[in-house]
Protein backbone atom coordinates (compact mmCIF):
# COMPACT_ATOMS: atom_id res chain seq x y z
CA MET A 1 7.76 -24.10 2.25
CA PRO A 2 7.12 -27.64 3.63
CA ASN A 3 3.98 -29.46 2.20
CA PRO A 4 0.66 -28.22 3.91
CA THR A 5 -1.05 -30.39 5.91
CA ALA A 6 -4.58 -30.41 7.75
CA ALA A 7 -2.96 -28.63 10.56
CA THR A 8 -1.52 -25.95 8.28
CA ARG A 9 -3.21 -22.48 8.74
CA VAL A 10 -4.05 -20.84 5.40
CA ALA A 11 -4.12 -16.98 4.58
CA GLY A 12 -4.08 -15.09 1.30
CA VAL A 13 -4.87 -12.26 -0.66
CA VAL A 14 -7.60 -11.34 -3.11
CA GLY A 15 -7.59 -9.07 -5.94
CA TRP A 16 -8.23 -8.67 -9.63
CA PRO A 17 -5.74 -8.97 -11.24
CA ILE A 18 -3.52 -10.66 -8.48
CA GLU A 19 -0.55 -12.29 -10.64
CA HIS A 20 1.81 -9.60 -10.01
CA SER A 21 1.49 -9.64 -6.30
CA LEU A 22 4.64 -9.99 -3.81
CA SER A 23 2.31 -10.67 -0.85
CA PRO A 24 2.72 -14.53 -0.97
CA THR A 25 6.52 -14.18 -1.05
CA ILE A 26 6.61 -11.72 1.65
CA HIS A 27 4.18 -13.52 4.00
CA ASN A 28 5.67 -16.92 3.41
CA ALA A 29 9.30 -15.76 4.18
CA ALA A 30 7.73 -14.32 7.38
CA TYR A 31 6.06 -17.39 8.41
CA ARG A 32 9.29 -19.62 7.69
CA ALA A 33 11.42 -17.00 9.70
CA LEU A 34 8.94 -17.29 12.78
CA GLY A 35 8.79 -21.38 12.38
CA LEU A 36 5.03 -21.03 11.80
CA ASP A 37 2.91 -23.83 10.16
CA TRP A 38 1.26 -21.32 7.90
CA SER A 39 0.99 -20.80 4.16
CA TYR A 40 -0.32 -17.94 2.06
CA VAL A 41 -1.85 -18.08 -1.33
CA ALA A 42 -2.96 -15.35 -4.10
CA PHE A 43 -6.50 -15.98 -4.95
CA PRO A 44 -7.95 -14.34 -8.20
CA VAL A 45 -11.53 -12.81 -7.81
CA THR A 46 -13.46 -10.70 -9.95
CA PRO A 47 -15.33 -7.76 -8.45
CA GLU A 48 -18.68 -9.84 -9.22
CA ASP A 49 -17.61 -12.85 -7.38
CA PHE A 50 -16.15 -11.05 -4.44
CA PRO A 51 -18.93 -11.53 -1.94
CA ALA A 52 -19.35 -15.44 -2.82
CA ALA A 53 -15.46 -15.65 -2.47
CA ILE A 54 -15.29 -14.19 0.85
CA ASP A 55 -18.00 -16.66 2.09
CA GLY A 56 -16.42 -19.65 0.60
CA LEU A 57 -12.73 -18.72 1.80
CA ARG A 58 -14.13 -18.29 5.44
CA ALA A 59 -16.13 -21.34 5.11
CA ALA A 60 -12.83 -23.15 3.94
CA GLY A 61 -11.24 -22.19 7.41
CA LEU A 62 -8.83 -19.51 6.16
CA ALA A 63 -7.40 -17.50 8.87
CA GLY A 64 -8.03 -14.55 6.76
CA VAL A 65 -7.16 -12.67 3.54
CA ASN A 66 -5.56 -9.30 2.77
CA VAL A 67 -7.64 -7.42 -0.03
CA THR A 68 -6.08 -5.22 -2.87
CA LEU A 69 -7.68 -3.62 -6.08
CA PRO A 70 -10.37 -3.43 -6.75
CA HIS A 71 -12.03 -4.87 -3.53
CA LYS A 72 -11.20 -2.64 -0.52
CA GLU A 73 -14.58 -1.04 -0.59
CA ALA A 74 -16.28 -4.05 -1.13
CA ALA A 75 -14.46 -5.75 1.89
CA ALA A 76 -15.63 -3.06 4.16
CA ALA A 77 -19.09 -3.86 3.12
CA ALA A 78 -18.36 -7.65 3.63
CA ALA A 79 -17.12 -7.24 7.11
CA THR A 80 -19.43 -7.59 10.16
CA ALA A 81 -17.18 -5.54 12.40
CA LEU A 82 -14.73 -2.75 11.34
CA SER A 83 -11.73 -1.13 12.91
CA GLU A 84 -12.04 2.56 13.45
CA ASP A 85 -9.84 3.32 10.60
CA ALA A 86 -11.61 0.82 8.21
CA GLU A 87 -14.84 2.50 9.26
CA ARG A 88 -13.42 5.85 8.49
CA LEU A 89 -11.80 4.93 5.22
CA ARG A 90 -14.68 2.89 4.02
CA ALA A 91 -12.02 0.30 2.93
CA ALA A 92 -10.48 -2.65 4.47
CA ASN A 93 -7.36 -4.39 3.34
CA VAL A 94 -7.36 -7.07 5.95
CA LEU A 95 -10.25 -9.42 6.72
CA THR A 96 -9.84 -11.66 9.85
CA PHE A 97 -12.14 -14.87 10.11
CA ALA A 98 -12.61 -15.52 13.40
CA GLY A 99 -16.25 -16.07 14.10
CA GLU A 100 -17.26 -12.62 12.65
CA ILE A 101 -15.61 -11.13 9.65
CA ALA A 102 -13.37 -8.40 11.17
CA GLY A 103 -12.46 -5.67 8.73
CA ASP A 104 -9.39 -3.81 9.40
CA ASN A 105 -6.93 -1.32 7.30
CA THR A 106 -3.31 -1.54 7.81
CA ASP A 107 -2.33 0.77 4.88
CA CYS A 108 -2.77 3.99 7.08
CA LEU A 109 -0.48 2.96 9.68
CA GLY A 110 1.72 1.26 7.25
CA PHE A 111 2.04 4.52 5.19
CA SER A 112 3.04 6.49 8.30
CA ARG A 113 5.59 3.74 9.23
CA PHE A 114 7.11 3.84 5.75
CA LEU A 115 7.25 7.86 5.63
CA ALA A 116 9.22 7.65 8.97
CA ASP A 117 11.67 4.76 8.18
CA ASP A 118 12.59 5.36 4.57
CA PRO A 119 12.31 9.06 3.54
CA GLY A 120 12.34 10.11 7.33
CA VAL A 121 9.61 12.55 6.57
CA ASP A 122 7.66 14.40 9.19
CA PRO A 123 4.33 15.80 7.52
CA THR A 124 3.96 18.55 10.23
CA GLY A 125 3.10 21.85 8.50
CA ARG A 126 3.83 20.49 4.76
CA SER A 127 1.96 20.26 1.75
CA ALA A 128 1.20 17.13 -0.43
CA LEU A 129 -0.41 16.55 -3.75
CA LEU A 130 -2.14 13.04 -4.03
CA PHE A 131 -3.27 11.29 -7.20
CA GLY A 132 -6.37 9.20 -6.47
CA ALA A 133 -9.03 8.99 -3.93
CA GLY A 134 -9.71 5.41 -3.75
CA GLY A 135 -9.12 3.28 -0.74
CA ALA A 136 -5.22 3.56 -0.87
CA GLY A 137 -5.44 7.21 -1.41
CA ARG A 138 -7.67 7.73 1.55
CA ALA A 139 -5.35 5.57 3.85
CA CYS A 140 -2.29 8.04 2.69
CA ALA A 141 -4.45 11.05 3.09
CA LEU A 142 -5.33 9.96 6.60
CA ALA A 143 -1.89 9.04 7.59
CA LEU A 144 -0.69 12.42 6.37
CA ALA A 145 -3.43 14.41 8.14
CA ARG A 146 -2.90 12.75 11.62
CA GLY A 147 0.92 13.55 11.09
CA GLY A 148 0.12 17.08 10.92
CA LEU A 149 -0.21 18.14 7.24
CA ASP A 150 -1.13 21.57 6.45
CA HIS A 151 -2.48 21.38 3.14
CA LEU A 152 -3.59 18.34 1.08
CA ALA A 153 -4.22 18.79 -2.63
CA VAL A 154 -6.18 15.94 -4.42
CA ALA A 155 -6.19 15.32 -8.16
CA VAL A 156 -8.95 13.14 -9.43
CA ARG A 157 -10.67 12.46 -12.59
CA GLU A 158 -14.04 12.42 -11.08
CA PRO A 159 -14.46 15.19 -8.22
CA ALA A 160 -17.21 13.25 -6.65
CA ARG A 161 -14.73 10.26 -5.60
CA ALA A 162 -13.18 13.05 -3.23
CA ALA A 163 -16.30 13.27 -1.21
CA ALA A 164 -15.18 9.95 0.89
CA LEU A 165 -11.70 11.42 1.19
CA ARG A 166 -12.93 14.44 2.74
CA SER A 167 -15.23 12.50 5.14
CA ALA A 168 -12.48 10.24 6.19
CA LEU A 169 -10.36 13.34 7.24
CA GLU A 170 -13.53 14.73 9.16
CA GLY A 171 -12.22 16.42 12.54
CA LEU A 172 -8.82 16.64 11.39
CA PRO A 173 -7.03 20.41 10.77
CA THR A 174 -5.74 19.48 7.22
CA ARG A 175 -6.89 21.91 4.51
CA VAL A 176 -8.13 19.78 1.63
CA GLU A 177 -8.77 21.17 -2.13
CA LEU A 178 -9.46 19.66 -5.45
CA VAL A 179 -6.86 20.38 -8.21
CA GLU A 180 -6.76 19.48 -12.04
CA LEU A 181 -4.70 16.37 -12.89
CA GLY A 182 -2.34 18.73 -14.72
CA ALA A 183 -1.76 21.13 -11.74
CA ASP A 184 1.50 22.47 -10.94
CA LEU A 185 3.33 20.44 -8.48
CA SER A 186 5.89 22.81 -7.57
CA PRO A 187 4.41 24.23 -4.43
CA PHE A 188 4.15 20.86 -2.80
CA ASP A 189 6.37 19.06 -0.53
CA LEU A 190 5.31 15.78 -0.97
CA VAL A 191 3.80 13.95 -4.03
CA VAL A 192 1.87 10.52 -3.80
CA ASN A 193 0.74 8.51 -6.78
CA ALA A 194 -2.32 6.30 -5.34
CA THR A 195 -3.55 5.26 -8.73
CA PRO A 196 -2.86 2.37 -11.00
CA VAL A 197 -1.48 4.89 -13.50
CA GLY A 198 2.22 3.80 -14.29
CA GLN A 199 1.80 -0.08 -14.06
CA GLY A 200 1.68 -0.30 -17.92
CA GLY A 201 4.16 2.63 -18.65
CA GLU A 202 1.54 5.33 -18.40
CA SER A 203 2.76 8.96 -17.36
CA LEU A 204 0.94 11.14 -14.98
CA PRO A 205 0.94 15.10 -15.65
CA LEU A 206 3.87 16.11 -13.73
CA PRO A 207 4.81 19.83 -14.48
CA GLY A 208 6.68 21.58 -11.56
CA LEU A 209 8.89 18.46 -9.98
CA HIS A 210 11.96 19.66 -8.58
CA ALA A 211 14.80 18.78 -6.16
CA GLY A 212 13.89 18.74 -2.34
CA GLN A 213 10.50 17.10 -2.87
CA ILE A 214 9.45 13.74 -1.71
CA VAL A 215 7.78 11.65 -4.37
CA VAL A 216 6.10 8.19 -3.57
CA ASP A 217 4.39 5.94 -6.34
CA LEU A 218 2.53 3.37 -4.42
CA ILE A 219 3.05 1.08 -7.56
CA TYR A 220 5.67 -1.48 -6.84
CA ARG A 221 5.53 -3.51 -10.18
CA PRO A 222 7.27 -2.04 -12.09
CA ALA A 223 9.99 -0.63 -9.62
CA LEU A 224 10.69 2.26 -12.01
CA THR A 225 7.56 3.76 -13.00
CA PRO A 226 7.48 7.03 -15.24
CA LEU A 227 6.73 8.93 -12.06
CA VAL A 228 9.84 7.58 -10.19
CA GLU A 229 11.94 8.16 -13.24
CA GLU A 230 10.66 11.49 -13.95
CA ALA A 231 11.22 12.73 -10.07
CA ARG A 232 14.78 11.43 -10.21
CA ALA A 233 15.61 13.18 -13.32
CA ALA A 234 14.35 16.39 -11.43
CA GLY A 235 16.14 15.94 -8.51
CA ALA A 236 13.73 14.62 -6.21
CA GLN A 237 13.78 11.72 -3.58
CA ALA A 238 11.69 9.11 -5.39
CA TYR A 239 9.97 6.00 -3.69
CA GLY A 240 8.04 3.03 -5.00
CA GLY A 241 5.27 1.15 -3.19
CA LEU A 242 7.35 -1.54 -1.82
CA GLY A 243 7.88 0.12 1.69
CA LEU A 244 3.99 0.49 2.12
CA LEU A 245 3.47 -3.13 0.83
CA LEU A 246 6.04 -4.57 3.60
CA HIS A 247 4.78 -2.33 6.54
CA GLN A 248 1.15 -3.03 5.94
CA ALA A 249 2.14 -6.91 5.59
CA ALA A 250 3.99 -6.57 8.93
CA LEU A 251 0.88 -5.22 10.53
CA THR A 252 -1.31 -7.97 9.28
CA ILE A 253 1.09 -10.63 10.26
CA GLU A 254 1.31 -9.52 13.64
CA ARG A 255 -2.53 -9.19 13.94
CA TRP A 256 -2.94 -12.77 12.59
CA THR A 257 -0.15 -14.41 14.61
CA GLY A 258 0.41 -12.12 17.60
CA GLN A 259 4.21 -12.34 16.65
CA VAL A 260 6.56 -9.40 15.63
CA ALA A 261 7.13 -9.75 11.89
CA PRO A 262 10.54 -10.23 10.84
CA LEU A 263 10.48 -7.01 8.48
CA SER A 264 14.03 -7.29 7.13
CA VAL A 265 13.58 -10.96 6.13
CA MET A 266 10.16 -10.02 4.33
CA SER A 267 12.11 -7.14 2.53
CA ALA A 268 15.01 -9.48 1.44
CA ALA A 269 12.57 -11.92 -0.14
CA ALA A 270 10.68 -9.30 -2.12
CA LEU A 271 13.99 -7.82 -3.42
CA ALA A 272 15.17 -11.22 -4.39
CA GLU A 273 11.92 -11.90 -6.56
CA LEU A 274 11.97 -8.45 -7.94
CA ALA A 275 15.67 -8.58 -8.68
CA GLU A 276 14.84 -11.76 -10.86
CA ASP A 277 12.66 -9.64 -13.38
CA PRO A 278 14.92 -7.53 -15.63
CA LYS A 279 11.95 -5.18 -16.05
CA GLN A 280 12.08 -4.05 -12.51
CA GLY A 281 15.01 -1.79 -12.85
CA PHE A 282 16.49 -2.96 -9.43
CA GLU A 283 20.29 -2.56 -9.57
CA THR A 284 21.94 -2.24 -6.27
CA GLU A 285 20.82 -2.15 -2.65
CA SER A 286 21.25 0.94 -0.71
CA PRO A 287 23.14 0.65 2.51
CA ARG A 288 20.51 3.06 4.24
CA SER A 289 17.78 0.54 4.74
CA MET A 290 16.76 -2.90 3.97
CA LEU A 291 13.77 -1.37 2.51
CA THR A 292 15.34 1.00 0.06
CA ILE A 293 17.22 0.19 -3.01
CA ALA A 294 18.30 2.35 -5.98
CA PRO A 295 21.37 3.84 -7.72
CA GLU A 296 20.04 7.30 -7.68
CA GLY A 297 18.23 7.64 -4.35
CA PRO A 298 16.13 5.27 -2.27
CA LEU A 299 13.21 3.19 -3.71
CA ALA A 300 10.76 1.75 -1.15
């Protein structure tokens, strides 16, 4: 990247922790490809410091920030205006500083685009099991419900956390039920992990995985989580979280810059960084898609 100047537009990502984030690599690659004098930085911000950090970043002249765990709900509360999706989900992963603090959620549309582009899944009439009901989980649930999902089972440790998810799907015909964490996975066409479980090598309870299922783990570091490995061993198509990350980033870039995001460039930059880490499990690039790599089935 060229040295920033006073004219450089600055954006970033806020999270805690944030050291693992691929977002700076993805966004900066996009800005270079588009010939934009922009720079994207990761900001580690604790939950207690989040409101002050947003005020400070806005005052410093940033164009906006992406927001990741654990701040998405706090970001929606900090916004002075919310998009329809951010309001419905009670979570924002994009804050744009343009006079007001505009909160948006690109996770929902990003997940829909990922499903269409990588596994090629049409949720119409299908069933899904979702682990987690936080901001990311609600976004995935909304994407699936809008896509015509018939039945959504939600596995959460605290049943009360599913209330916001039910509210997010209000008015949509998808049938929602709560299930235990160790529920049988075999009846479900699609399994989605929207929790951090797996980042440190932990395993979810996964009885009933089988061939023909689509399994998505929103974690992208490590690329081969226990869920991805177990799903492939059972013959299922298993995807990590890079596809969603790329698509929601592309939507953010288009919102901020008004230009079409160079998705293939962003994907190549992300894959190059991940390939440098021997713990990621990346071996070969699939010819099917720039967003999917893996020796035994696509990994988003």
